[in-house]
Amino acid sequence: MDLKLGVLALLEAKPEKAAEVKEFLIGGKDIVDREPGTRTWYAFQIDDTHFGIFDSFADEDGRNAHLGGEIPKALGQVGPDLLAKDPDLRTVDLLAVKHEEDDANS
């Protein structure tokens, strides 16, 4: 897997909306499963109100397709209601990647 690029999004939920943010992120996997250019996608929880998403891509086309895709659009719609502030969104260049192939799928 030749991964070169990433996106890191850090999210702060309004305290009373944290459970809804969690469900939004869990539901996001179904959307990114349909994005061929998104090679890995992680949604994670840091503490009670802080969450994040990390994605990786082989090329700029895949990253741009994701950034213009359904997850950012959906986040733009629900963000004002669910989030305490705008997401902290950063594009990153991956310097080193370790990936183990799942032998069970071979």
N, C-alpha and C. Protein backbone atom coordinates (compact mmCIF):
# COMPACT_ATOMS: atom_id res chain seq x y z
N MET A 1 0.86 -1.17 0.00
CA MET A 1 0.00 0.00 0.00
C MET A 1 0.90 1.23 0.00
N ASP A 2 0.80 2.02 -1.02
CA ASP A 2 1.65 3.19 -1.17
C ASP A 2 0.88 4.44 -0.75
N LEU A 3 0.93 4.77 0.52
CA LEU A 3 0.19 5.91 1.07
C LEU A 3 1.14 7.09 1.22
N LYS A 4 0.75 8.22 0.67
CA LYS A 4 1.62 9.39 0.69
C LYS A 4 1.00 10.61 1.35
N LEU A 5 -0.34 10.66 1.40
CA LEU A 5 -1.03 11.86 1.86
C LEU A 5 -2.08 11.51 2.90
N GLY A 6 -2.43 12.50 3.72
CA GLY A 6 -3.45 12.28 4.73
C GLY A 6 -4.25 13.53 5.00
N VAL A 7 -5.31 13.33 5.76
CA VAL A 7 -6.13 14.42 6.28
C VAL A 7 -6.39 14.10 7.75
N LEU A 8 -6.15 15.08 8.60
CA LEU A 8 -6.46 14.96 10.02
C LEU A 8 -7.50 16.02 10.36
N ALA A 9 -8.62 15.59 10.89
CA ALA A 9 -9.68 16.51 11.31
C ALA A 9 -9.93 16.28 12.80
N LEU A 10 -9.81 17.33 13.58
CA LEU A 10 -10.08 17.26 15.02
C LEU A 10 -11.38 18.00 15.29
N LEU A 11 -12.25 17.37 16.06
CA LEU A 11 -13.60 17.88 16.30
C LEU A 11 -13.85 18.01 17.80
N GLU A 12 -14.48 19.11 18.18
CA GLU A 12 -14.90 19.29 19.58
C GLU A 12 -16.42 19.38 19.61
N ALA A 13 -17.04 18.40 20.22
CA ALA A 13 -18.50 18.36 20.32
C ALA A 13 -18.98 19.29 21.43
N LYS A 14 -20.17 19.83 21.22
CA LYS A 14 -20.84 20.49 22.34
C LYS A 14 -21.10 19.38 23.36
N PRO A 15 -20.91 19.65 24.66
CA PRO A 15 -21.03 18.57 25.66
C PRO A 15 -22.32 17.76 25.56
N GLU A 16 -23.42 18.42 25.30
CA GLU A 16 -24.71 17.72 25.23
C GLU A 16 -24.90 16.99 23.89
N LYS A 17 -23.97 17.17 22.96
CA LYS A 17 -24.10 16.57 21.63
C LYS A 17 -23.03 15.52 21.35
N ALA A 18 -22.21 15.17 22.34
CA ALA A 18 -21.11 14.24 22.12
C ALA A 18 -21.58 12.88 21.60
N ALA A 19 -22.67 12.37 22.13
CA ALA A 19 -23.18 11.07 21.67
C ALA A 19 -23.60 11.14 20.20
N GLU A 20 -24.15 12.27 19.78
CA GLU A 20 -24.55 12.43 18.39
C GLU A 20 -23.34 12.53 17.46
N VAL A 21 -22.28 13.18 17.92
CA VAL A 21 -21.05 13.24 17.13
C VAL A 21 -20.48 11.83 16.97
N LYS A 22 -20.48 11.08 18.05
CA LYS A 22 -19.98 9.71 17.99
C LYS A 22 -20.77 8.89 16.96
N GLU A 23 -22.07 8.98 16.99
CA GLU A 23 -22.90 8.24 16.03
C GLU A 23 -22.68 8.72 14.60
N PHE A 24 -22.50 10.02 14.42
CA PHE A 24 -22.20 10.57 13.09
C PHE A 24 -20.92 9.95 12.55
N LEU A 25 -19.90 9.88 13.38
CA LEU A 25 -18.62 9.32 12.94
C LEU A 25 -18.73 7.83 12.64
N ILE A 26 -19.41 7.10 13.47
CA ILE A 26 -19.59 5.66 13.22
C ILE A 26 -20.32 5.46 11.89
N GLY A 27 -21.34 6.25 11.63
CA GLY A 27 -22.08 6.15 10.38
C GLY A 27 -21.27 6.58 9.17
N GLY A 28 -20.24 7.37 9.38
CA GLY A 28 -19.41 7.84 8.27
C GLY A 28 -18.66 6.74 7.55
N LYS A 29 -18.43 5.63 8.21
CA LYS A 29 -17.69 4.53 7.57
C LYS A 29 -18.41 4.03 6.33
N ASP A 30 -19.72 3.94 6.39
CA ASP A 30 -20.48 3.49 5.22
C ASP A 30 -20.26 4.40 4.02
N ILE A 31 -20.10 5.68 4.27
CA ILE A 31 -19.87 6.64 3.19
C ILE A 31 -18.48 6.46 2.60
N VAL A 32 -17.45 6.42 3.44
CA VAL A 32 -16.09 6.32 2.90
C VAL A 32 -15.80 4.95 2.31
N ASP A 33 -16.57 3.93 2.68
CA ASP A 33 -16.41 2.63 2.04
C ASP A 33 -16.67 2.72 0.54
N ARG A 34 -17.40 3.72 0.10
CA ARG A 34 -17.71 3.90 -1.32
C ARG A 34 -16.74 4.86 -2.01
N GLU A 35 -15.70 5.28 -1.34
CA GLU A 35 -14.70 6.19 -1.91
C GLU A 35 -13.43 5.39 -2.25
N PRO A 36 -13.23 5.06 -3.51
CA PRO A 36 -12.07 4.23 -3.86
C PRO A 36 -10.72 4.89 -3.58
N GLY A 37 -10.67 6.21 -3.60
CA GLY A 37 -9.41 6.89 -3.35
C GLY A 37 -9.04 7.03 -1.89
N THR A 38 -10.01 6.81 -0.99
CA THR A 38 -9.73 6.86 0.45
C THR A 38 -9.24 5.48 0.85
N ARG A 39 -7.95 5.36 1.08
CA ARG A 39 -7.34 4.05 1.31
C ARG A 39 -7.49 3.57 2.75
N THR A 40 -7.39 4.48 3.71
CA THR A 40 -7.68 4.16 5.11
C THR A 40 -8.49 5.31 5.69
N TRP A 41 -9.32 4.98 6.66
CA TRP A 41 -10.16 5.99 7.31
C TRP A 41 -10.35 5.55 8.76
N TYR A 42 -10.03 6.42 9.67
CA TYR A 42 -10.19 6.15 11.09
C TYR A 42 -11.01 7.27 11.72
N ALA A 43 -12.01 6.90 12.47
CA ALA A 43 -12.75 7.84 13.31
C ALA A 43 -12.42 7.46 14.75
N PHE A 44 -12.09 8.43 15.57
CA PHE A 44 -11.65 8.11 16.93
C PHE A 44 -12.17 9.12 17.94
N GLN A 45 -12.17 8.69 19.21
CA GLN A 45 -12.59 9.55 20.31
C GLN A 45 -11.40 9.75 21.23
N ILE A 46 -11.12 11.00 21.58
CA ILE A 46 -9.98 11.34 22.44
C ILE A 46 -10.42 11.41 23.90
N ASP A 47 -11.52 12.08 24.15
CA ASP A 47 -12.09 12.16 25.49
C ASP A 47 -13.59 12.39 25.35
N ASP A 48 -14.25 12.86 26.39
CA ASP A 48 -15.71 12.98 26.36
C ASP A 48 -16.25 13.83 25.21
N THR A 49 -15.53 14.89 24.83
CA THR A 49 -16.05 15.80 23.82
C THR A 49 -15.13 16.00 22.61
N HIS A 50 -13.98 15.37 22.61
CA HIS A 50 -13.03 15.54 21.51
C HIS A 50 -12.93 14.27 20.67
N PHE A 51 -13.07 14.45 19.35
CA PHE A 51 -13.07 13.36 18.40
C PHE A 51 -12.15 13.71 17.24
N GLY A 52 -11.92 12.74 16.38
CA GLY A 52 -11.11 13.03 15.21
C GLY A 52 -11.36 12.03 14.10
N ILE A 53 -10.87 12.41 12.94
CA ILE A 53 -10.88 11.56 11.76
C ILE A 53 -9.49 11.64 11.15
N PHE A 54 -8.95 10.49 10.76
CA PHE A 54 -7.70 10.47 10.00
C PHE A 54 -7.91 9.59 8.77
N ASP A 55 -7.56 10.12 7.61
CA ASP A 55 -7.69 9.40 6.35
C ASP A 55 -6.33 9.38 5.68
N SER A 56 -6.12 8.38 4.81
CA SER A 56 -4.89 8.38 4.02
C SER A 56 -5.21 8.05 2.57
N PHE A 57 -4.29 8.52 1.70
CA PHE A 57 -4.51 8.47 0.26
C PHE A 57 -3.19 8.20 -0.45
N ALA A 58 -3.28 7.59 -1.61
CA ALA A 58 -2.09 7.33 -2.42
C ALA A 58 -1.71 8.56 -3.23
N ASP A 59 -2.69 9.42 -3.55
CA ASP A 59 -2.40 10.56 -4.42
C ASP A 59 -3.34 11.73 -4.11
N GLU A 60 -3.01 12.86 -4.72
CA GLU A 60 -3.77 14.09 -4.49
C GLU A 60 -5.19 13.98 -5.04
N ASP A 61 -5.38 13.23 -6.12
CA ASP A 61 -6.73 13.06 -6.67
C ASP A 61 -7.66 12.40 -5.66
N GLY A 62 -7.17 11.36 -4.98
CA GLY A 62 -7.96 10.68 -3.97
C GLY A 62 -8.29 11.58 -2.80
N ARG A 63 -7.29 12.35 -2.36
CA ARG A 63 -7.52 13.25 -1.23
C ARG A 63 -8.52 14.35 -1.61
N ASN A 64 -8.35 14.92 -2.80
CA ASN A 64 -9.27 15.98 -3.23
C ASN A 64 -10.70 15.45 -3.40
N ALA A 65 -10.82 14.22 -3.92
CA ALA A 65 -12.16 13.64 -4.07
C ALA A 65 -12.81 13.48 -2.71
N HIS A 66 -12.04 13.05 -1.72
CA HIS A 66 -12.58 12.89 -0.37
C HIS A 66 -12.97 14.25 0.22
N LEU A 67 -12.10 15.23 0.09
CA LEU A 67 -12.37 16.55 0.65
C LEU A 67 -13.59 17.21 0.01
N GLY A 68 -13.91 16.81 -1.21
CA GLY A 68 -15.10 17.32 -1.87
C GLY A 68 -16.27 16.36 -1.79
N GLY A 69 -16.14 15.32 -0.97
CA GLY A 69 -17.13 14.25 -0.91
C GLY A 69 -18.20 14.44 0.15
N GLU A 70 -18.83 13.32 0.46
CA GLU A 70 -20.02 13.32 1.32
C GLU A 70 -19.74 13.61 2.80
N ILE A 71 -18.63 13.11 3.33
CA ILE A 71 -18.34 13.35 4.76
C ILE A 71 -18.19 14.85 5.05
N PRO A 72 -17.33 15.57 4.31
CA PRO A 72 -17.24 17.01 4.59
C PRO A 72 -18.56 17.75 4.38
N LYS A 73 -19.33 17.35 3.36
CA LYS A 73 -20.63 17.99 3.14
C LYS A 73 -21.56 17.75 4.33
N ALA A 74 -21.61 16.50 4.78
CA ALA A 74 -22.48 16.17 5.92
C ALA A 74 -22.02 16.89 7.18
N LEU A 75 -20.71 16.95 7.38
CA LEU A 75 -20.17 17.64 8.56
C LEU A 75 -20.51 19.13 8.50
N GLY A 76 -20.47 19.70 7.31
CA GLY A 76 -20.84 21.10 7.15
C GLY A 76 -22.29 21.36 7.51
N GLN A 77 -23.16 20.37 7.27
CA GLN A 77 -24.58 20.52 7.58
C GLN A 77 -24.86 20.36 9.07
N VAL A 78 -24.26 19.35 9.70
CA VAL A 78 -24.57 19.08 11.11
C VAL A 78 -23.62 19.78 12.07
N GLY A 79 -22.47 20.23 11.57
CA GLY A 79 -21.46 20.84 12.43
C GLY A 79 -21.95 21.96 13.31
N PRO A 80 -22.67 22.94 12.77
CA PRO A 80 -23.11 24.05 13.62
C PRO A 80 -23.98 23.61 14.80
N ASP A 81 -24.73 22.54 14.64
CA ASP A 81 -25.58 22.04 15.71
C ASP A 81 -24.81 21.18 16.71
N LEU A 82 -23.84 20.40 16.21
CA LEU A 82 -23.17 19.40 17.05
C LEU A 82 -21.84 19.84 17.63
N LEU A 83 -21.15 20.75 16.96
CA LEU A 83 -19.77 21.08 17.35
C LEU A 83 -19.68 22.40 18.10
N ALA A 84 -18.74 22.44 19.06
CA ALA A 84 -18.50 23.64 19.85
C ALA A 84 -17.78 24.71 19.03
N LYS A 85 -17.02 24.28 18.01
CA LYS A 85 -16.30 25.21 17.14
C LYS A 85 -16.05 24.53 15.81
N ASP A 86 -15.57 25.28 14.84
CA ASP A 86 -15.27 24.70 13.54
C ASP A 86 -14.23 23.60 13.67
N PRO A 87 -14.31 22.57 12.83
CA PRO A 87 -13.29 21.51 12.87
C PRO A 87 -11.91 22.06 12.56
N ASP A 88 -10.90 21.48 13.18
CA ASP A 88 -9.50 21.79 12.89
C ASP A 88 -9.08 20.79 11.82
N LEU A 89 -9.03 21.22 10.58
CA LEU A 89 -8.78 20.34 9.44
C LEU A 89 -7.38 20.62 8.90
N ARG A 90 -6.58 19.54 8.79
CA ARG A 90 -5.21 19.69 8.31
C ARG A 90 -4.89 18.62 7.27
N THR A 91 -4.30 19.04 6.17
CA THR A 91 -3.78 18.07 5.21
C THR A 91 -2.33 17.80 5.60
N VAL A 92 -1.92 16.54 5.48
CA VAL A 92 -0.57 16.16 5.89
C VAL A 92 0.08 15.32 4.81
N ASP A 93 1.41 15.33 4.80
CA ASP A 93 2.20 14.44 3.97
C ASP A 93 2.69 13.31 4.87
N LEU A 94 2.49 12.07 4.46
CA LEU A 94 2.92 10.93 5.25
C LEU A 94 4.40 10.66 4.97
N LEU A 95 5.19 10.55 6.01
CA LEU A 95 6.63 10.33 5.88
C LEU A 95 6.99 8.86 5.93
N ALA A 96 6.27 8.08 6.73
CA ALA A 96 6.52 6.65 6.85
C ALA A 96 5.21 5.97 7.24
N VAL A 97 4.99 4.79 6.70
CA VAL A 97 3.75 4.05 6.95
C VAL A 97 4.09 2.59 7.21
N LYS A 98 3.52 2.03 8.24
CA LYS A 98 3.60 0.59 8.49
C LYS A 98 2.20 0.03 8.30
N HIS A 99 2.09 -0.99 7.47
CA HIS A 99 0.80 -1.60 7.22
C HIS A 99 0.99 -3.10 7.13
N GLU A 100 0.26 -3.84 7.92
CA GLU A 100 0.31 -5.29 7.87
C GLU A 100 -0.92 -5.78 7.13
N GLU A 101 -0.71 -6.63 6.15
CA GLU A 101 -1.83 -7.21 5.42
C GLU A 101 -2.54 -8.20 6.33
N ASP A 102 -3.85 -8.23 6.25
CA ASP A 102 -4.66 -9.14 7.04
C ASP A 102 -4.63 -10.52 6.38
N ASP A 103 -3.94 -11.47 6.98
CA ASP A 103 -3.82 -12.82 6.41
C ASP A 103 -5.15 -13.53 6.32
N ALA A 104 -6.12 -13.15 7.13
CA ALA A 104 -7.43 -13.81 7.10
C ALA A 104 -8.18 -13.53 5.81
N ASN A 105 -7.84 -12.42 5.16
CA ASN A 105 -8.50 -12.07 3.91
C ASN A 105 -7.77 -12.58 2.68
N SER A 106 -6.65 -13.25 2.88
CA SER A 106 -5.85 -13.72 1.74
C SER A 106 -6.41 -15.01 1.17
